[in-house]
């Protein structure tokens, strides 16, 4: 379905790149390597004032699954989540 503000690209005859790159993985931190994904999530959790132990668990969960799950951050005042958008 399309409207005049957001026309559908497939209806306009644009090439469908998803069909040609069916086996390609998106270039996310989780697909570049687990160490890089762990490092990114650990650093972000520490920047959000999580304890080192909690940040380590968040980094491990993000490196293994691409989603950290919800965790307390910002000194316990917020609930945050780090994930790879799909």
PDB file of N, CA and C in Angstrom:
ATOM      1  N   UNK A   1       0.845  -1.161   0.000  1.00  0.00           N
ATOM      2  CA  UNK A   1       0.000   0.000   0.000  1.00  0.00           C
ATOM      3  C   UNK A   1       0.896   1.231   0.000  1.00  0.00           C
ATOM      4  N   UNK A   2       0.548   2.205  -0.812  1.00  0.00           N
ATOM      5  CA  UNK A   2       1.345   3.421  -0.847  1.00  0.00           C
ATOM      6  C   UNK A   2       0.423   4.632  -0.888  1.00  0.00           C
ATOM      7  N   UNK A   3       0.983   5.745  -0.509  1.00  0.00           N
ATOM      8  CA  UNK A   3       0.248   6.989  -0.621  1.00  0.00           C
ATOM      9  C   UNK A   3       1.131   7.987  -1.363  1.00  0.00           C
ATOM     10  N   UNK A   4       0.647   9.186  -1.579  1.00  0.00           N
ATOM     11  CA  UNK A   4       1.381  10.157  -2.374  1.00  0.00           C
ATOM     12  C   UNK A   4       2.618  10.683  -1.656  1.00  0.00           C
ATOM     13  N   UNK A   5       2.683  10.560  -0.321  1.00  0.00           N
ATOM     14  CA  UNK A   5       3.850  11.037   0.407  1.00  0.00           C
ATOM     15  C   UNK A   5       4.967   9.996   0.467  1.00  0.00           C
ATOM     16  N   UNK A   6       4.595   8.724   0.511  1.00  0.00           N
ATOM     17  CA  UNK A   6       5.569   7.642   0.590  1.00  0.00           C
ATOM     18  C   UNK A   6       5.240   6.584  -0.451  1.00  0.00           C
ATOM     19  N   UNK A   7       5.631   6.792  -1.703  1.00  0.00           N
ATOM     20  CA  UNK A   7       5.292   5.804  -2.726  1.00  0.00           C
ATOM     21  C   UNK A   7       6.026   4.489  -2.481  1.00  0.00           C
ATOM     22  N   UNK A   8       5.392   3.414  -2.870  1.00  0.00           N
ATOM     23  CA  UNK A   8       5.980   2.095  -2.737  1.00  0.00           C
ATOM     24  C   UNK A   8       7.053   1.928  -3.805  1.00  0.00           C
ATOM     25  N   UNK A   9       8.285   1.615  -3.390  1.00  0.00           N
ATOM     26  CA  UNK A   9       9.409   1.514  -4.322  1.00  0.00           C
ATOM     27  C   UNK A   9       9.208   0.363  -5.298  1.00  0.00           C
ATOM     28  N   UNK A  10       8.608  -0.728  -4.861  1.00  0.00           N
ATOM     29  CA  UNK A  10       8.416  -1.876  -5.756  1.00  0.00           C
ATOM     30  C   UNK A  10       7.391  -1.558  -6.836  1.00  0.00           C
ATOM     31  N   UNK A  11       6.382  -0.761  -6.489  1.00  0.00           N
ATOM     32  CA  UNK A  11       5.371  -0.397  -7.477  1.00  0.00           C
ATOM     33  C   UNK A  11       5.965   0.510  -8.549  1.00  0.00           C
ATOM     34  N   UNK A  12       6.999   1.275  -8.204  1.00  0.00           N
ATOM     35  CA  UNK A  12       7.608   2.190  -9.155  1.00  0.00           C
ATOM     36  C   UNK A  12       8.585   1.489 -10.084  1.00  0.00           C
ATOM     37  N   UNK A  13       8.846   0.199  -9.848  1.00  0.00           N
ATOM     38  CA  UNK A  13       9.745  -0.531 -10.729  1.00  0.00           C
ATOM     39  C   UNK A  13      11.195  -0.493 -10.264  1.00  0.00           C
ATOM     40  N   UNK A  14      11.446  -0.128  -9.025  1.00  0.00           N
ATOM     41  CA  UNK A  14      12.812  -0.127  -8.498  1.00  0.00           C
ATOM     42  C   UNK A  14      13.278  -1.561  -8.318  1.00  0.00           C
ATOM     43  N   UNK A  15      14.571  -1.815  -8.508  1.00  0.00           N
ATOM     44  CA  UNK A  15      15.059  -3.187  -8.349  1.00  0.00           C
ATOM     45  C   UNK A  15      14.920  -3.657  -6.900  1.00  0.00           C
ATOM     46  N   UNK A  16      14.652  -4.922  -6.731  1.00  0.00           N
ATOM     47  CA  UNK A  16      14.485  -5.511  -5.410  1.00  0.00           C
ATOM     48  C   UNK A  16      15.825  -6.102  -4.979  1.00  0.00           C
ATOM     49  N   UNK A  17      16.560  -5.361  -4.169  1.00  0.00           N
ATOM     50  CA  UNK A  17      17.882  -5.803  -3.749  1.00  0.00           C
ATOM     51  C   UNK A  17      17.817  -6.953  -2.760  1.00  0.00           C
ATOM     52  N   UNK A  18      16.726  -7.093  -2.024  1.00  0.00           N
ATOM     53  CA  UNK A  18      16.596  -8.175  -1.059  1.00  0.00           C
ATOM     54  C   UNK A  18      16.594  -9.532  -1.761  1.00  0.00           C
ATOM     55  N   UNK A  19      16.053  -9.573  -2.980  1.00  0.00           N
ATOM     56  CA  UNK A  19      16.007 -10.833  -3.710  1.00  0.00           C
ATOM     57  C   UNK A  19      17.395 -11.246  -4.189  1.00  0.00           C
ATOM     58  N   UNK A  20      18.264 -10.291  -4.527  1.00  0.00           N
ATOM     59  CA  UNK A  20      19.594 -10.624  -5.019  1.00  0.00           C
ATOM     60  C   UNK A  20      20.573 -10.909  -3.898  1.00  0.00           C
ATOM     61  N   UNK A  21      20.378 -10.313  -2.724  1.00  0.00           N
ATOM     62  CA  UNK A  21      21.279 -10.508  -1.599  1.00  0.00           C
ATOM     63  C   UNK A  21      20.624 -11.362  -0.519  1.00  0.00           C
ATOM     64  N   UNK A  22      19.959 -12.427  -0.931  1.00  0.00           N
ATOM     65  CA  UNK A  22      19.199 -13.224   0.022  1.00  0.00           C
ATOM     66  C   UNK A  22      20.090 -13.854   1.089  1.00  0.00           C
ATOM     67  N   UNK A  23      21.321 -14.221   0.743  1.00  0.00           N
ATOM     68  CA  UNK A  23      22.195 -14.869   1.704  1.00  0.00           C
ATOM     69  C   UNK A  23      23.066 -13.910   2.481  1.00  0.00           C
ATOM     70  N   UNK A  24      23.064 -12.637   2.129  1.00  0.00           N
ATOM     71  CA  UNK A  24      23.945 -11.674   2.778  1.00  0.00           C
ATOM     72  C   UNK A  24      23.405 -11.276   4.143  1.00  0.00           C
ATOM     73  N   UNK A  25      24.323 -11.146   5.095  1.00  0.00           N
ATOM     74  CA  UNK A  25      23.953 -10.710   6.436  1.00  0.00           C
ATOM     75  C   UNK A  25      24.119  -9.209   6.538  1.00  0.00           C
ATOM     76  N   UNK A  26      23.266  -8.523   7.284  1.00  0.00           N
ATOM     77  CA  UNK A  26      23.442  -7.080   7.443  1.00  0.00           C
ATOM     78  C   UNK A  26      24.723  -6.782   8.221  1.00  0.00           C
ATOM     79  N   UNK A  27      25.344  -5.654   7.926  1.00  0.00           N
ATOM     80  CA  UNK A  27      26.608  -5.282   8.563  1.00  0.00           C
ATOM     81  C   UNK A  27      26.335  -4.648   9.919  1.00  0.00           C
ATOM     82  N   UNK A  28      26.007  -5.461  10.899  1.00  0.00           N
ATOM     83  CA  UNK A  28      25.785  -4.977  12.262  1.00  0.00           C
ATOM     84  C   UNK A  28      26.965  -5.388  13.112  1.00  0.00           C
ATOM     85  N   UNK A  29      27.066  -4.823  14.299  1.00  0.00           N
ATOM     86  CA  UNK A  29      28.166  -5.178  15.188  1.00  0.00           C
ATOM     87  C   UNK A  29      28.117  -6.645  15.580  1.00  0.00           C
ATOM     88  N   UNK A  30      26.925  -7.198  15.745  1.00  0.00           N
ATOM     89  CA  UNK A  30      26.810  -8.596  16.130  1.00  0.00           C
ATOM     90  C   UNK A  30      27.304  -9.515  15.019  1.00  0.00           C
ATOM     91  N   UNK A  31      27.124  -9.145  13.752  1.00  0.00           N
ATOM     92  CA  UNK A  31      27.571  -9.998  12.656  1.00  0.00           C
ATOM     93  C   UNK A  31      29.043  -9.787  12.332  1.00  0.00           C
ATOM     94  N   UNK A  32      29.654  -8.716  12.827  1.00  0.00           N
ATOM     95  CA  UNK A  32      31.081  -8.489  12.586  1.00  0.00           C
ATOM     96  C   UNK A  32      31.950  -9.315  13.506  1.00  0.00           C
ATOM     97  N   UNK A  33      31.404  -9.727  14.620  1.00  0.00           N
ATOM     98  CA  UNK A  33      32.156 -10.562  15.532  1.00  0.00           C
ATOM     99  C   UNK A  33      31.677 -10.392  16.947  1.00  0.00           C
ATOM    100  N   UNK A  34      31.728 -11.466  17.705  1.00  0.00           N
ATOM    101  CA  UNK A  34      31.207 -11.394  19.066  1.00  0.00           C
ATOM    102  C   UNK A  34      32.034 -10.490  19.982  1.00  0.00           C
ATOM    103  N   UNK A  35      33.342 -10.399  19.769  1.00  0.00           N
ATOM    104  CA  UNK A  35      34.162  -9.548  20.627  1.00  0.00           C
ATOM    105  C   UNK A  35      33.813  -8.075  20.431  1.00  0.00           C
ATOM    106  N   UNK A  36      33.608  -7.688  19.179  1.00  0.00           N
ATOM    107  CA  UNK A  36      33.227  -6.303  18.889  1.00  0.00           C
ATOM    108  C   UNK A  36      31.846  -5.982  19.461  1.00  0.00           C
ATOM    109  N   UNK A  37      30.905  -6.926  19.338  1.00  0.00           N
ATOM    110  CA  UNK A  37      29.557  -6.727  19.869  1.00  0.00           C
ATOM    111  C   UNK A  37      29.599  -6.626  21.388  1.00  0.00           C
ATOM    112  N   UNK A  38      30.387  -7.495  22.022  1.00  0.00           N
ATOM    113  CA  UNK A  38      30.523  -7.436  23.479  1.00  0.00           C
ATOM    114  C   UNK A  38      31.090  -6.094  23.915  1.00  0.00           C
ATOM    115  N   UNK A  39      32.128  -5.657  23.227  1.00  0.00           N
ATOM    116  CA  UNK A  39      32.790  -4.400  23.574  1.00  0.00           C
ATOM    117  C   UNK A  39      31.836  -3.220  23.436  1.00  0.00           C
ATOM    118  N   UNK A  40      31.058  -3.208  22.369  1.00  0.00           N
ATOM    119  CA  UNK A  40      30.109  -2.112  22.145  1.00  0.00           C
ATOM    120  C   UNK A  40      29.062  -2.062  23.258  1.00  0.00           C
ATOM    121  N   UNK A  41      28.474  -3.207  23.574  1.00  0.00           N
ATOM    122  CA  UNK A  41      27.418  -3.243  24.584  1.00  0.00           C
ATOM    123  C   UNK A  41      27.975  -2.972  25.978  1.00  0.00           C
ATOM    124  N   UNK A  42      29.152  -3.519  26.289  1.00  0.00           N
ATOM    125  CA  UNK A  42      29.760  -3.289  27.598  1.00  0.00           C
ATOM    126  C   UNK A  42      30.053  -1.807  27.791  1.00  0.00           C
ATOM    127  N   UNK A  43      30.655  -1.178  26.781  1.00  0.00           N
ATOM    128  CA  UNK A  43      31.012   0.237  26.895  1.00  0.00           C
ATOM    129  C   UNK A  43      29.756   1.101  27.028  1.00  0.00           C
ATOM    130  N   UNK A  44      28.720   0.776  26.260  1.00  0.00           N
ATOM    131  CA  UNK A  44      27.491   1.568  26.323  1.00  0.00           C
ATOM    132  C   UNK A  44      26.830   1.424  27.695  1.00  0.00           C
ATOM    133  N   UNK A  45      26.799   0.212  28.234  1.00  0.00           N
ATOM    134  CA  UNK A  45      26.205  -0.003  29.557  1.00  0.00           C
ATOM    135  C   UNK A  45      27.005   0.722  30.635  1.00  0.00           C
ATOM    136  N   UNK A  46      28.329   0.715  30.543  1.00  0.00           N
ATOM    137  CA  UNK A  46      29.151   1.433  31.513  1.00  0.00           C
ATOM    138  C   UNK A  46      28.944   2.944  31.381  1.00  0.00           C
ATOM    139  N   UNK A  47      28.776   3.420  30.148  1.00  0.00           N
ATOM    140  CA  UNK A  47      28.491   4.842  29.936  1.00  0.00           C
ATOM    141  C   UNK A  47      27.141   5.236  30.540  1.00  0.00           C
ATOM    142  N   UNK A  48      26.239   4.265  30.626  1.00  0.00           N
ATOM    143  CA  UNK A  48      24.926   4.514  31.215  1.00  0.00           C
ATOM    144  C   UNK A  48      24.924   4.221  32.720  1.00  0.00           C
ATOM    145  N   UNK A  49      26.085   4.185  33.348  1.00  0.00           N
ATOM    146  CA  UNK A  49      26.255   4.054  34.801  1.00  0.00           C
ATOM    147  C   UNK A  49      25.777   2.717  35.356  1.00  0.00           C
ATOM    148  N   UNK A  50      26.028   1.626  34.622  1.00  0.00           N
ATOM    149  CA  UNK A  50      25.779   0.290  35.156  1.00  0.00           C
ATOM    150  C   UNK A  50      27.037  -0.184  35.869  1.00  0.00           C
ATOM    151  N   UNK A  51      26.877  -1.105  36.796  1.00  0.00           N
ATOM    152  CA  UNK A  51      28.035  -1.678  37.474  1.00  0.00           C
ATOM    153  C   UNK A  51      28.837  -2.526  36.479  1.00  0.00           C
ATOM    154  N   UNK A  52      30.126  -2.746  36.733  1.00  0.00           N
ATOM    155  CA  UNK A  52      30.925  -3.567  35.810  1.00  0.00           C
ATOM    156  C   UNK A  52      30.357  -4.980  35.624  1.00  0.00           C
ATOM    157  N   UNK A  53      29.851  -5.582  36.700  1.00  0.00           N
ATOM    158  CA  UNK A  53      29.276  -6.928  36.573  1.00  0.00           C
ATOM    159  C   UNK A  53      28.038  -6.956  35.705  1.00  0.00           C
ATOM    160  N   UNK A  54      27.141  -6.010  35.922  1.00  0.00           N
ATOM    161  CA  UNK A  54      25.919  -5.928  35.110  1.00  0.00           C
ATOM    162  C   UNK A  54      26.278  -5.619  33.658  1.00  0.00           C
ATOM    163  N   UNK A  55      27.238  -4.726  33.435  1.00  0.00           N
ATOM    164  CA  UNK A  55      27.648  -4.389  32.071  1.00  0.00           C
ATOM    165  C   UNK A  55      28.246  -5.599  31.369  1.00  0.00           C
ATOM    166  N   UNK A  56      28.964  -6.449  32.121  1.00  0.00           N
ATOM    167  CA  UNK A  56      29.545  -7.652  31.534  1.00  0.00           C
ATOM    168  C   UNK A  56      28.439  -8.602  31.084  1.00  0.00           C
ATOM    169  N   UNK A  57      27.410  -8.773  31.905  1.00  0.00           N
ATOM    170  CA  UNK A  57      26.287  -9.644  31.542  1.00  0.00           C
ATOM    171  C   UNK A  57      25.545  -9.085  30.330  1.00  0.00           C
ATOM    172  N   UNK A  58      25.333  -7.782  30.309  1.00  0.00           N
ATOM    173  CA  UNK A  58      24.675  -7.129  29.170  1.00  0.00           C
ATOM    174  C   UNK A  58      25.492  -7.340  27.900  1.00  0.00           C
ATOM    175  N   UNK A  59      26.808  -7.160  27.989  1.00  0.00           N
ATOM    176  CA  UNK A  59      27.675  -7.364  26.828  1.00  0.00           C
ATOM    177  C   UNK A  59      27.650  -8.785  26.332  1.00  0.00           C
ATOM    178  N   UNK A  60      27.673  -9.742  27.244  1.00  0.00           N
ATOM    179  CA  UNK A  60      27.641 -11.152  26.854  1.00  0.00           C
ATOM    180  C   UNK A  60      26.329 -11.504  26.169  1.00  0.00           C
ATOM    181  N   UNK A  61      25.211 -11.077  26.747  1.00  0.00           N
ATOM    182  CA  UNK A  61      23.912 -11.366  26.130  1.00  0.00           C
ATOM    183  C   UNK A  61      23.782 -10.725  24.761  1.00  0.00           C
ATOM    184  N   UNK A  62      24.303  -9.487  24.598  1.00  0.00           N
ATOM    185  CA  UNK A  62      24.232  -8.837  23.294  1.00  0.00           C
ATOM    186  C   UNK A  62      25.130  -9.550  22.282  1.00  0.00           C
ATOM    187  N   UNK A  63      26.321  -9.976  22.704  1.00  0.00           N
ATOM    188  CA  UNK A  63      27.238 -10.656  21.787  1.00  0.00           C
ATOM    189  C   UNK A  63      26.679 -11.991  21.313  1.00  0.00           C
ATOM    190  N   UNK A  64      25.967 -12.701  22.175  1.00  0.00           N
ATOM    191  CA  UNK A  64      25.441 -14.013  21.809  1.00  0.00           C
ATOM    192  C   UNK A  64      24.146 -13.946  21.014  1.00  0.00           C
ATOM    193  N   UNK A  65      23.281 -12.991  21.340  1.00  0.00           N
ATOM    194  CA  UNK A  65      21.953 -12.979  20.724  1.00  0.00           C
ATOM    195  C   UNK A  65      21.639 -11.741  19.899  1.00  0.00           C
ATOM    196  N   UNK A  66      22.414 -10.657  20.038  1.00  0.00           N
ATOM    197  CA  UNK A  66      22.092  -9.416  19.346  1.00  0.00           C
ATOM    198  C   UNK A  66      21.088  -8.568  20.096  1.00  0.00           C
ATOM    199  N   UNK A  67      20.735  -8.983  21.325  1.00  0.00           N
ATOM    200  CA  UNK A  67      19.778  -8.254  22.151  1.00  0.00           C
ATOM    201  C   UNK A  67      20.197  -8.420  23.604  1.00  0.00           C
ATOM    202  N   UNK A  68      20.339  -7.310  24.311  1.00  0.00           N
ATOM    203  CA  UNK A  68      20.781  -7.387  25.697  1.00  0.00           C
ATOM    204  C   UNK A  68      19.653  -7.708  26.660  1.00  0.00           C
ATOM    205  N   UNK A  69      18.428  -7.551  26.218  1.00  0.00           N
ATOM    206  CA  UNK A  69      17.317  -7.653  27.146  1.00  0.00           C
ATOM    207  C   UNK A  69      17.220  -6.363  27.953  1.00  0.00           C
ATOM    208  N   UNK A  70      16.233  -6.268  28.793  1.00  0.00           N
ATOM    209  CA  UNK A  70      16.070  -5.038  29.575  1.00  0.00           C
ATOM    210  C   UNK A  70      16.921  -5.106  30.829  1.00  0.00           C
ATOM    211  N   UNK A  71      17.543  -3.979  31.177  1.00  0.00           N
ATOM    212  CA  UNK A  71      18.382  -3.918  32.362  1.00  0.00           C
ATOM    213  C   UNK A  71      18.309  -2.525  32.959  1.00  0.00           C
ATOM    214  N   UNK A  72      18.577  -2.442  34.261  1.00  0.00           N
ATOM    215  CA  UNK A  72      18.576  -1.162  34.970  1.00  0.00           C
ATOM    216  C   UNK A  72      19.810  -0.373  34.579  1.00  0.00           C
ATOM    217  N   UNK A  73      19.642   0.914  34.301  1.00  0.00           N
ATOM    218  CA  UNK A  73      20.764   1.763  33.916  1.00  0.00           C
ATOM    219  C   UNK A  73      20.572   3.154  34.505  1.00  0.00           C
ATOM    220  N   UNK A  74      21.504   4.040  34.205  1.00  0.00           N
ATOM    221  CA  UNK A  74      21.452   5.427  34.649  1.00  0.00           C
ATOM    222  C   UNK A  74      21.287   5.513  36.167  1.00  0.00           C
ATOM    223  N   UNK A  75      22.107   4.722  36.856  1.00  0.00           N
ATOM    224  CA  UNK A  75      22.081   4.738  38.308  1.00  0.00           C
ATOM    225  C   UNK A  75      20.836   4.114  38.908  1.00  0.00           C
ATOM    226  N   UNK A  76      20.145   3.261  38.168  1.00  0.00           N
ATOM    227  CA  UNK A  76      18.937   2.615  38.668  1.00  0.00           C
ATOM    228  C   UNK A  76      17.669   3.377  38.372  1.00  0.00           C
ATOM    229  N   UNK A  77      17.769   4.508  37.687  1.00  0.00           N
ATOM    230  CA  UNK A  77      16.596   5.342  37.425  1.00  0.00           C
ATOM    231  C   UNK A  77      15.876   5.001  36.122  1.00  0.00           C
ATOM    232  N   UNK A  78      16.539   4.235  35.240  1.00  0.00           N
ATOM    233  CA  UNK A  78      15.921   3.905  33.955  1.00  0.00           C
ATOM    234  C   UNK A  78      16.090   2.422  33.657  1.00  0.00           C
ATOM    235  N   UNK A  79      15.256   1.910  32.757  1.00  0.00           N
ATOM    236  CA  UNK A  79      15.400   0.566  32.223  1.00  0.00           C
ATOM    237  C   UNK A  79      15.762   0.731  30.756  1.00  0.00           C
ATOM    238  N   UNK A  80      16.854   0.097  30.334  1.00  0.00           N
ATOM    239  CA  UNK A  80      17.351   0.257  28.973  1.00  0.00           C
ATOM    240  C   UNK A  80      17.469  -1.093  28.293  1.00  0.00           C
ATOM    241  N   UNK A  81      17.683  -1.049  26.988  1.00  0.00           N
ATOM    242  CA  UNK A  81      17.856  -2.253  26.183  1.00  0.00           C
ATOM    243  C   UNK A  81      18.761  -1.903  25.008  1.00  0.00           C
ATOM    244  N   UNK A  82      19.711  -2.755  24.716  1.00  0.00           N
ATOM    245  CA  UNK A  82      20.586  -2.592  23.552  1.00  0.00           C
ATOM    246  C   UNK A  82      20.245  -3.737  22.606  1.00  0.00           C
ATOM    247  N   UNK A  83      19.914  -3.409  21.358  1.00  0.00           N
ATOM    248  CA  UNK A  83      19.554  -4.458  20.405  1.00  0.00           C
ATOM    249  C   UNK A  83      19.957  -4.046  19.005  1.00  0.00           C
ATOM    250  N   UNK A  84      19.965  -5.024  18.114  1.00  0.00           N
ATOM    251  CA  UNK A  84      20.250  -4.806  16.711  1.00  0.00           C
ATOM    252  C   UNK A  84      18.933  -4.629  15.976  1.00  0.00           C
ATOM    253  N   UNK A  85      18.695  -3.469  15.354  1.00  0.00           N
ATOM    254  CA  UNK A  85      17.428  -3.287  14.641  1.00  0.00           C
ATOM    255  C   UNK A  85      17.315  -4.240  13.456  1.00  0.00           C
ATOM    256  N   UNK A  86      16.113  -4.695  13.199  1.00  0.00           N
ATOM    257  CA  UNK A  86      15.891  -5.644  12.087  1.00  0.00           C
ATOM    258  C   UNK A  86      15.268  -4.962  10.923  1.00  0.00           C
TER     259      UNK A  86
END
